[in-house]
Amino acid sequence: MSYTTDNYSKPKSMSRAKGWTADVENLFRFQQAGYRDEMEYLQVKQGTLIDKWPESGFVKKLQRRDNTFYYYSRKRECEDRDVNKVKVYAY
């Protein structure tokens, strides 16, 4: 079954992250794996559960569109120099 972009909720606006937060950390991880955010990941990978580190809530593992995986540390991975590259979408 193929999905077109018409099936996805389209964001109304986009801004850049101004400072690091746990949400920005998770957005960084989704964007590194090739997705806008958790919403797009769940739409593309229907039925997939998102592994998160229990103590921090950070994303632990994501499946990329080419079916390879990204594995993430339980510690912060989005460094201060990368924060302004993170896109924050509003729906």
PDB file of N, CA and C in Angstrom:
ATOM      1  N   MET A   1       0.852  -1.179   0.000  1.00  0.00           N
ATOM      2  CA  MET A   1       0.000   0.000   0.000  1.00  0.00           C
ATOM      3  C   MET A   1       0.899   1.244   0.000  1.00  0.00           C
ATOM      4  N   SER A   2       0.683   2.124  -0.917  1.00  0.00           N
ATOM      5  CA  SER A   2       1.513   3.319  -0.964  1.00  0.00           C
ATOM      6  C   SER A   2       0.749   4.503  -0.368  1.00  0.00           C
ATOM      7  N   TYR A   3       1.496   5.365   0.257  1.00  0.00           N
ATOM      8  CA  TYR A   3       0.909   6.534   0.900  1.00  0.00           C
ATOM      9  C   TYR A   3       1.375   7.781   0.181  1.00  0.00           C
ATOM     10  N   THR A   4       0.458   8.678  -0.057  1.00  0.00           N
ATOM     11  CA  THR A   4       0.843   9.960  -0.643  1.00  0.00           C
ATOM     12  C   THR A   4       0.878  10.987   0.470  1.00  0.00           C
ATOM     13  N   THR A   5       1.431  12.120   0.173  1.00  0.00           N
ATOM     14  CA  THR A   5       1.517  13.165   1.195  1.00  0.00           C
ATOM     15  C   THR A   5       0.139  13.670   1.588  1.00  0.00           C
ATOM     16  N   ASP A   6      -0.892  13.362   0.780  1.00  0.00           N
ATOM     17  CA  ASP A   6      -2.248  13.797   1.121  1.00  0.00           C
ATOM     18  C   ASP A   6      -2.765  13.122   2.384  1.00  0.00           C
ATOM     19  N   ASN A   7      -2.197  11.951   2.732  1.00  0.00           N
ATOM     20  CA  ASN A   7      -2.654  11.215   3.908  1.00  0.00           C
ATOM     21  C   ASN A   7      -2.098  11.789   5.209  1.00  0.00           C
ATOM     22  N   TYR A   8      -1.136  12.660   5.125  1.00  0.00           N
ATOM     23  CA  TYR A   8      -0.474  13.183   6.321  1.00  0.00           C
ATOM     24  C   TYR A   8      -1.066  14.507   6.752  1.00  0.00           C
ATOM     25  N   SER A   9      -1.054  14.739   8.055  1.00  0.00           N
ATOM     26  CA  SER A   9      -1.412  16.062   8.554  1.00  0.00           C
ATOM     27  C   SER A   9      -0.280  16.996   8.162  1.00  0.00           C
ATOM     28  N   LYS A  10      -0.630  18.069   7.538  1.00  0.00           N
ATOM     29  CA  LYS A  10       0.404  19.017   7.133  1.00  0.00           C
ATOM     30  C   LYS A  10       0.577  20.073   8.221  1.00  0.00           C
ATOM     31  N   PRO A  11       1.810  20.389   8.561  1.00  0.00           N
ATOM     32  CA  PRO A  11       2.024  21.426   9.565  1.00  0.00           C
ATOM     33  C   PRO A  11       1.585  22.789   9.045  1.00  0.00           C
ATOM     34  N   LYS A  12       1.081  23.621   9.945  1.00  0.00           N
ATOM     35  CA  LYS A  12       0.643  24.971   9.580  1.00  0.00           C
ATOM     36  C   LYS A  12       1.824  25.937   9.534  1.00  0.00           C
ATOM     37  N   SER A  13       2.809  25.675  10.382  1.00  0.00           N
ATOM     38  CA  SER A  13       3.981  26.548  10.401  1.00  0.00           C
ATOM     39  C   SER A  13       5.190  25.793  10.943  1.00  0.00           C
ATOM     40  N   MET A  14       6.363  26.395  10.725  1.00  0.00           N
ATOM     41  CA  MET A  14       7.608  25.806  11.192  1.00  0.00           C
ATOM     42  C   MET A  14       8.469  26.917  11.766  1.00  0.00           C
ATOM     43  N   SER A  15       9.107  26.621  12.887  1.00  0.00           N
ATOM     44  CA  SER A  15      10.073  27.559  13.457  1.00  0.00           C
ATOM     45  C   SER A  15      11.298  26.756  13.865  1.00  0.00           C
ATOM     46  N   ARG A  16      12.329  27.439  14.238  1.00  0.00           N
ATOM     47  CA  ARG A  16      13.555  26.774  14.688  1.00  0.00           C
ATOM     48  C   ARG A  16      13.598  26.775  16.212  1.00  0.00           C
ATOM     49  N   ALA A  17      14.166  25.727  16.761  1.00  0.00           N
ATOM     50  CA  ALA A  17      14.306  25.643  18.211  1.00  0.00           C
ATOM     51  C   ALA A  17      15.252  26.744  18.689  1.00  0.00           C
ATOM     52  N   LYS A  18      14.916  27.344  19.811  1.00  0.00           N
ATOM     53  CA  LYS A  18      15.735  28.437  20.363  1.00  0.00           C
ATOM     54  C   LYS A  18      16.653  27.950  21.494  1.00  0.00           C
ATOM     55  N   GLY A  19      16.235  26.883  22.156  1.00  0.00           N
ATOM     56  CA  GLY A  19      17.028  26.353  23.259  1.00  0.00           C
ATOM     57  C   GLY A  19      16.748  24.872  23.403  1.00  0.00           C
ATOM     58  N   TRP A  20      17.636  24.178  24.104  1.00  0.00           N
ATOM     59  CA  TRP A  20      17.487  22.741  24.250  1.00  0.00           C
ATOM     60  C   TRP A  20      16.418  22.404  25.283  1.00  0.00           C
ATOM     61  N   THR A  21      15.543  21.472  24.948  1.00  0.00           N
ATOM     62  CA  THR A  21      14.589  20.876  25.884  1.00  0.00           C
ATOM     63  C   THR A  21      14.504  19.389  25.533  1.00  0.00           C
ATOM     64  N   ALA A  22      13.819  18.622  26.335  1.00  0.00           N
ATOM     65  CA  ALA A  22      13.635  17.200  26.038  1.00  0.00           C
ATOM     66  C   ALA A  22      12.856  17.031  24.727  1.00  0.00           C
ATOM     67  N   ASP A  23      11.889  17.909  24.471  1.00  0.00           N
ATOM     68  CA  ASP A  23      11.133  17.835  23.220  1.00  0.00           C
ATOM     69  C   ASP A  23      12.031  18.121  22.017  1.00  0.00           C
ATOM     70  N   VAL A  24      12.897  19.104  22.139  1.00  0.00           N
ATOM     71  CA  VAL A  24      13.834  19.429  21.056  1.00  0.00           C
ATOM     72  C   VAL A  24      14.775  18.242  20.827  1.00  0.00           C
ATOM     73  N   GLU A  25      15.193  17.597  21.903  1.00  0.00           N
ATOM     74  CA  GLU A  25      16.060  16.410  21.790  1.00  0.00           C
ATOM     75  C   GLU A  25      15.377  15.330  20.956  1.00  0.00           C
ATOM     76  N   ASN A  26      14.114  15.049  21.250  1.00  0.00           N
ATOM     77  CA  ASN A  26      13.400  14.016  20.503  1.00  0.00           C
ATOM     78  C   ASN A  26      13.149  14.435  19.056  1.00  0.00           C
ATOM     79  N   LEU A  27      12.833  15.712  18.827  1.00  0.00           N
ATOM     80  CA  LEU A  27      12.680  16.199  17.454  1.00  0.00           C
ATOM     81  C   LEU A  27      13.983  16.026  16.671  1.00  0.00           C
ATOM     82  N   PHE A  28      15.097  16.319  17.321  1.00  0.00           N
ATOM     83  CA  PHE A  28      16.416  16.158  16.712  1.00  0.00           C
ATOM     84  C   PHE A  28      16.603  14.710  16.254  1.00  0.00           C
ATOM     85  N   ARG A  29      16.207  13.771  17.096  1.00  0.00           N
ATOM     86  CA  ARG A  29      16.372  12.350  16.777  1.00  0.00           C
ATOM     87  C   ARG A  29      15.466  11.933  15.621  1.00  0.00           C
ATOM     88  N   PHE A  30      14.214  12.386  15.626  1.00  0.00           N
ATOM     89  CA  PHE A  30      13.311  12.059  14.516  1.00  0.00           C
ATOM     90  C   PHE A  30      13.832  12.654  13.213  1.00  0.00           C
ATOM     91  N   GLN A  31      14.303  13.893  13.260  1.00  0.00           N
ATOM     92  CA  GLN A  31      14.775  14.558  12.051  1.00  0.00           C
ATOM     93  C   GLN A  31      16.063  13.933  11.543  1.00  0.00           C
ATOM     94  N   GLN A  32      16.888  13.453  12.430  1.00  0.00           N
ATOM     95  CA  GLN A  32      18.108  12.764  12.033  1.00  0.00           C
ATOM     96  C   GLN A  32      17.765  11.473  11.278  1.00  0.00           C
ATOM     97  N   ALA A  33      16.661  10.838  11.663  1.00  0.00           N
ATOM     98  CA  ALA A  33      16.231   9.591  11.019  1.00  0.00           C
ATOM     99  C   ALA A  33      15.398   9.850   9.757  1.00  0.00           C
ATOM    100  N   GLY A  34      15.136  11.128   9.444  1.00  0.00           N
ATOM    101  CA  GLY A  34      14.462  11.459   8.200  1.00  0.00           C
ATOM    102  C   GLY A  34      12.977  11.745   8.315  1.00  0.00           C
ATOM    103  N   TYR A  35      12.513  12.044   9.509  1.00  0.00           N
ATOM    104  CA  TYR A  35      11.101  12.362   9.728  1.00  0.00           C
ATOM    105  C   TYR A  35      10.967  13.763  10.294  1.00  0.00           C
ATOM    106  N   ARG A  36       9.801  14.376  10.089  1.00  0.00           N
ATOM    107  CA  ARG A  36       9.541  15.705  10.644  1.00  0.00           C
ATOM    108  C   ARG A  36       9.485  15.634  12.162  1.00  0.00           C
ATOM    109  N   ASP A  37       8.691  14.673  12.659  1.00  0.00           N
ATOM    110  CA  ASP A  37       8.450  14.559  14.096  1.00  0.00           C
ATOM    111  C   ASP A  37       7.794  13.215  14.382  1.00  0.00           C
ATOM    112  N   GLU A  38       7.382  13.014  15.619  1.00  0.00           N
ATOM    113  CA  GLU A  38       6.783  11.748  16.034  1.00  0.00           C
ATOM    114  C   GLU A  38       5.501  11.458  15.255  1.00  0.00           C
ATOM    115  N   MET A  39       4.723  12.485  14.968  1.00  0.00           N
ATOM    116  CA  MET A  39       3.462  12.306  14.240  1.00  0.00           C
ATOM    117  C   MET A  39       3.719  11.715  12.844  1.00  0.00           C
ATOM    118  N   GLU A  40       4.679  12.276  12.127  1.00  0.00           N
ATOM    119  CA  GLU A  40       4.978  11.758  10.790  1.00  0.00           C
ATOM    120  C   GLU A  40       5.531  10.338  10.878  1.00  0.00           C
ATOM    121  N   TYR A  41       6.383  10.063  11.858  1.00  0.00           N
ATOM    122  CA  TYR A  41       6.940   8.722  12.035  1.00  0.00           C
ATOM    123  C   TYR A  41       5.833   7.694  12.219  1.00  0.00           C
ATOM    124  N   LEU A  42       4.861   8.024  13.062  1.00  0.00           N
ATOM    125  CA  LEU A  42       3.761   7.094  13.326  1.00  0.00           C
ATOM    126  C   LEU A  42       2.872   6.914  12.096  1.00  0.00           C
ATOM    127  N   GLN A  43       2.728   7.950  11.283  1.00  0.00           N
ATOM    128  CA  GLN A  43       1.932   7.833  10.062  1.00  0.00           C
ATOM    129  C   GLN A  43       2.633   6.958   9.024  1.00  0.00           C
ATOM    130  N   VAL A  44       3.947   7.096   8.909  1.00  0.00           N
ATOM    131  CA  VAL A  44       4.711   6.330   7.921  1.00  0.00           C
ATOM    132  C   VAL A  44       4.896   4.888   8.389  1.00  0.00           C
ATOM    133  N   LYS A  45       5.259   4.706   9.639  1.00  0.00           N
ATOM    134  CA  LYS A  45       5.535   3.383  10.205  1.00  0.00           C
ATOM    135  C   LYS A  45       4.334   2.918  11.024  1.00  0.00           C
ATOM    136  N   GLN A  46       3.207   2.767  10.377  1.00  0.00           N
ATOM    137  CA  GLN A  46       1.971   2.429  11.085  1.00  0.00           C
ATOM    138  C   GLN A  46       2.135   1.149  11.887  1.00  0.00           C
ATOM    139  N   GLY A  47       1.657   1.188  13.122  1.00  0.00           N
ATOM    140  CA  GLY A  47       1.729   0.032  13.998  1.00  0.00           C
ATOM    141  C   GLY A  47       3.064  -0.134  14.701  1.00  0.00           C
ATOM    142  N   THR A  48       3.978   0.780  14.455  1.00  0.00           N
ATOM    143  CA  THR A  48       5.296   0.700  15.084  1.00  0.00           C
ATOM    144  C   THR A  48       5.273   1.417  16.423  1.00  0.00           C
ATOM    145  N   LEU A  49       5.805   0.764  17.432  1.00  0.00           N
ATOM    146  CA  LEU A  49       5.946   1.404  18.738  1.00  0.00           C
ATOM    147  C   LEU A  49       7.277   2.137  18.768  1.00  0.00           C
ATOM    148  N   ILE A  50       7.319   3.234  19.484  1.00  0.00           N
ATOM    149  CA  ILE A  50       8.551   4.007  19.591  1.00  0.00           C
ATOM    150  C   ILE A  50       9.228   3.642  20.899  1.00  0.00           C
ATOM    151  N   ASP A  51      10.428   3.079  20.791  1.00  0.00           N
ATOM    152  CA  ASP A  51      11.205   2.734  21.991  1.00  0.00           C
ATOM    153  C   ASP A  51      11.761   4.010  22.595  1.00  0.00           C
ATOM    154  N   LYS A  52      11.520   4.186  23.893  1.00  0.00           N
ATOM    155  CA  LYS A  52      12.058   5.364  24.601  1.00  0.00           C
ATOM    156  C   LYS A  52      12.778   4.906  25.856  1.00  0.00           C
ATOM    157  N   TRP A  53      13.795   5.673  26.239  1.00  0.00           N
ATOM    158  CA  TRP A  53      14.494   5.386  27.488  1.00  0.00           C
ATOM    159  C   TRP A  53      13.551   5.728  28.637  1.00  0.00           C
ATOM    160  N   PRO A  54      13.332   4.792  29.564  1.00  0.00           N
ATOM    161  CA  PRO A  54      12.347   5.034  30.630  1.00  0.00           C
ATOM    162  C   PRO A  54      12.695   6.209  31.553  1.00  0.00           C
ATOM    163  N   GLU A  55      13.977   6.402  31.853  1.00  0.00           N
ATOM    164  CA  GLU A  55      14.335   7.453  32.809  1.00  0.00           C
ATOM    165  C   GLU A  55      14.266   8.855  32.217  1.00  0.00           C
ATOM    166  N   SER A  56      14.553   8.993  30.920  1.00  0.00           N
ATOM    167  CA  SER A  56      14.577  10.338  30.318  1.00  0.00           C
ATOM    168  C   SER A  56      13.399  10.595  29.381  1.00  0.00           C
ATOM    169  N   GLY A  57      12.828   9.537  28.814  1.00  0.00           N
ATOM    170  CA  GLY A  57      11.774   9.711  27.818  1.00  0.00           C
ATOM    171  C   GLY A  57      12.325  10.001  26.434  1.00  0.00           C
ATOM    172  N   PHE A  58      13.655   9.998  26.287  1.00  0.00           N
ATOM    173  CA  PHE A  58      14.266  10.228  24.979  1.00  0.00           C
ATOM    174  C   PHE A  58      14.039   9.007  24.097  1.00  0.00           C
ATOM    175  N   VAL A  59      13.937   9.250  22.793  1.00  0.00           N
ATOM    176  CA  VAL A  59      13.783   8.166  21.832  1.00  0.00           C
ATOM    177  C   VAL A  59      15.033   7.296  21.864  1.00  0.00           C
ATOM    178  N   LYS A  60      14.820   5.980  21.892  1.00  0.00           N
ATOM    179  CA  LYS A  60      15.908   5.014  22.001  1.00  0.00           C
ATOM    180  C   LYS A  60      16.305   4.454  20.640  1.00  0.00           C
ATOM    181  N   LYS A  61      15.298   4.162  19.784  1.00  0.00           N
ATOM    182  CA  LYS A  61      15.561   3.517  18.500  1.00  0.00           C
ATOM    183  C   LYS A  61      14.504   3.958  17.496  1.00  0.00           C
ATOM    184  N   LEU A  62      14.940   4.274  16.275  1.00  0.00           N
ATOM    185  CA  LEU A  62      14.011   4.634  15.205  1.00  0.00           C
ATOM    186  C   LEU A  62      14.369   3.865  13.939  1.00  0.00           C
ATOM    187  N   GLN A  63      13.338   3.486  13.205  1.00  0.00           N
ATOM    188  CA  GLN A  63      13.544   2.830  11.927  1.00  0.00           C
ATOM    189  C   GLN A  63      13.467   3.878  10.824  1.00  0.00           C
ATOM    190  N   ARG A  64      14.524   3.953  10.030  1.00  0.00           N
ATOM    191  CA  ARG A  64      14.545   4.915   8.929  1.00  0.00           C
ATOM    192  C   ARG A  64      13.663   4.435   7.793  1.00  0.00           C
ATOM    193  N   ARG A  65      13.458   5.282   6.806  1.00  0.00           N
ATOM    194  CA  ARG A  65      12.609   4.925   5.665  1.00  0.00           C
ATOM    195  C   ARG A  65      13.198   3.776   4.853  1.00  0.00           C
ATOM    196  N   ASP A  66      14.525   3.598   4.894  1.00  0.00           N
ATOM    197  CA  ASP A  66      15.152   2.493   4.151  1.00  0.00           C
ATOM    198  C   ASP A  66      15.238   1.221   5.005  1.00  0.00           C
ATOM    199  N   ASN A  67      14.502   1.223   6.117  1.00  0.00           N
ATOM    200  CA  ASN A  67      14.385   0.082   7.030  1.00  0.00           C
ATOM    201  C   ASN A  67      15.640  -0.238   7.824  1.00  0.00           C
ATOM    202  N   THR A  68      16.641   0.638   7.807  1.00  0.00           N
ATOM    203  CA  THR A  68      17.757   0.493   8.730  1.00  0.00           C
ATOM    204  C   THR A  68      17.371   1.212  10.021  1.00  0.00           C
ATOM    205  N   PHE A  69      18.131   1.012  11.062  1.00  0.00           N
ATOM    206  CA  PHE A  69      17.785   1.575  12.360  1.00  0.00           C
ATOM    207  C   PHE A  69      18.825   2.565  12.848  1.00  0.00           C
ATOM    208  N   TYR A  70      18.343   3.545  13.582  1.00  0.00           N
ATOM    209  CA  TYR A  70      19.204   4.448  14.354  1.00  0.00           C
ATOM    210  C   TYR A  70      19.016   4.079  15.821  1.00  0.00           C
ATOM    211  N   TYR A  71      20.113   3.955  16.534  1.00  0.00           N
ATOM    212  CA  TYR A  71      20.063   3.698  17.969  1.00  0.00           C
ATOM    213  C   TYR A  71      20.646   4.907  18.674  1.00  0.00           C
ATOM    214  N   TYR A  72      19.960   5.356  19.716  1.00  0.00           N
ATOM    215  CA  TYR A  72      20.366   6.580  20.409  1.00  0.00           C
ATOM    216  C   TYR A  72      20.736   6.295  21.857  1.00  0.00           C
ATOM    217  N   SER A  73      21.615   7.115  22.356  1.00  0.00           N
ATOM    218  CA  SER A  73      22.076   7.042  23.741  1.00  0.00           C
ATOM    219  C   SER A  73      20.984   7.523  24.685  1.00  0.00           C
ATOM    220  N   ARG A  74      21.110   7.139  25.944  1.00  0.00           N
ATOM    221  CA  ARG A  74      20.154   7.642  26.948  1.00  0.00           C
ATOM    222  C   ARG A  74      20.498   9.075  27.341  1.00  0.00           C
ATOM    223  N   LYS A  75      21.682   9.534  26.932  1.00  0.00           N
ATOM    224  CA  LYS A  75      22.098  10.897  27.252  1.00  0.00           C
ATOM    225  C   LYS A  75      21.773  11.831  26.086  1.00  0.00           C
ATOM    226  N   ARG A  76      21.850  13.097  26.359  1.00  0.00           N
ATOM    227  CA  ARG A  76      21.605  14.126  25.348  1.00  0.00           C
ATOM    228  C   ARG A  76      22.542  13.942  24.147  1.00  0.00           C
ATOM    229  N   GLU A  77      21.977  14.008  22.946  1.00  0.00           N
ATOM    230  CA  GLU A  77      22.783  13.907  21.725  1.00  0.00           C
ATOM    231  C   GLU A  77      22.756  15.188  20.903  1.00  0.00           C
ATOM    232  N   CYS A  78      21.736  16.010  21.099  1.00  0.00           N
ATOM    233  CA  CYS A  78      21.623  17.269  20.368  1.00  0.00           C
ATOM    234  C   CYS A  78      22.469  18.320  21.086  1.00  0.00           C
ATOM    235  N   GLU A  79      23.610  18.611  20.512  1.00  0.00           N
ATOM    236  CA  GLU A  79      24.510  19.566  21.153  1.00  0.00           C
ATOM    237  C   GLU A  79      24.029  20.994  20.924  1.00  0.00           C
ATOM    238  N   ASP A  80      24.523  21.918  21.735  1.00  0.00           N
ATOM    239  CA  ASP A  80      24.092  23.313  21.635  1.00  0.00           C
ATOM    240  C   ASP A  80      24.239  23.863  20.224  1.00  0.00           C
ATOM    241  N   ARG A  81      25.288  23.465  19.529  1.00  0.00           N
ATOM    242  CA  ARG A  81      25.511  23.982  18.167  1.00  0.00           C
ATOM    243  C   ARG A  81      24.480  23.457  17.170  1.00  0.00           C
ATOM    244  N   ASP A  82      23.769  22.364  17.522  1.00  0.00           N
ATOM    245  CA  ASP A  82      22.769  21.778  16.625  1.00  0.00           C
ATOM    246  C   ASP A  82      21.338  22.206  16.937  1.00  0.00           C
ATOM    247  N   VAL A  83      21.134  22.848  18.089  1.00  0.00           N
ATOM    248  CA  VAL A  83      19.774  23.193  18.517  1.00  0.00           C
ATOM    249  C   VAL A  83      19.054  24.038  17.476  1.00  0.00           C
ATOM    250  N   ASN A  84      19.739  25.027  16.903  1.00  0.00           N
ATOM    251  CA  ASN A  84      19.060  25.922  15.945  1.00  0.00           C
ATOM    252  C   ASN A  84      18.767  25.251  14.604  1.00  0.00           C
ATOM    253  N   LYS A  85      19.252  24.031  14.391  1.00  0.00           N
ATOM    254  CA  LYS A  85      18.956  23.283  13.158  1.00  0.00           C
ATOM    255  C   LYS A  85      17.664  22.488  13.298  1.00  0.00           C
ATOM    256  N   VAL A  86      17.173  22.339  14.515  1.00  0.00           N
ATOM    257  CA  VAL A  86      15.966  21.538  14.762  1.00  0.00           C
ATOM    258  C   VAL A  86      14.728  22.339  14.371  1.00  0.00           C
ATOM    259  N   LYS A  87      13.891  21.711  13.553  1.00  0.00           N
ATOM    260  CA  LYS A  87      12.659  22.355  13.104  1.00  0.00           C
ATOM    261  C   LYS A  87      11.511  21.947  14.032  1.00  0.00           C
ATOM    262  N   VAL A  88      10.760  22.943  14.494  1.00  0.00           N
ATOM    263  CA  VAL A  88       9.612  22.711  15.364  1.00  0.00           C
ATOM    264  C   VAL A  88       8.357  23.040  14.558  1.00  0.00           C
ATOM    265  N   TYR A  89       7.529  22.039  14.341  1.00  0.00           N
ATOM    266  CA  TYR A  89       6.320  22.226  13.520  1.00  0.00           C
ATOM    267  C   TYR A  89       5.092  22.435  14.397  1.00  0.00           C
ATOM    268  N   ALA A  90       4.202  23.301  13.927  1.00  0.00           N
ATOM    269  CA  ALA A  90       2.919  23.543  14.608  1.00  0.00           C
ATOM    270  C   ALA A  90       1.813  23.061  13.684  1.00  0.00           C
ATOM    271  N   TYR A  91       0.852  22.362  14.259  1.00  0.00           N
ATOM    272  CA  TYR A  91      -0.254  21.802  13.469  1.00  0.00           C
ATOM    273  C   TYR A  91      -1.552  22.525  13.735  1.00  0.00           C
TER     274      TYR A  91
END
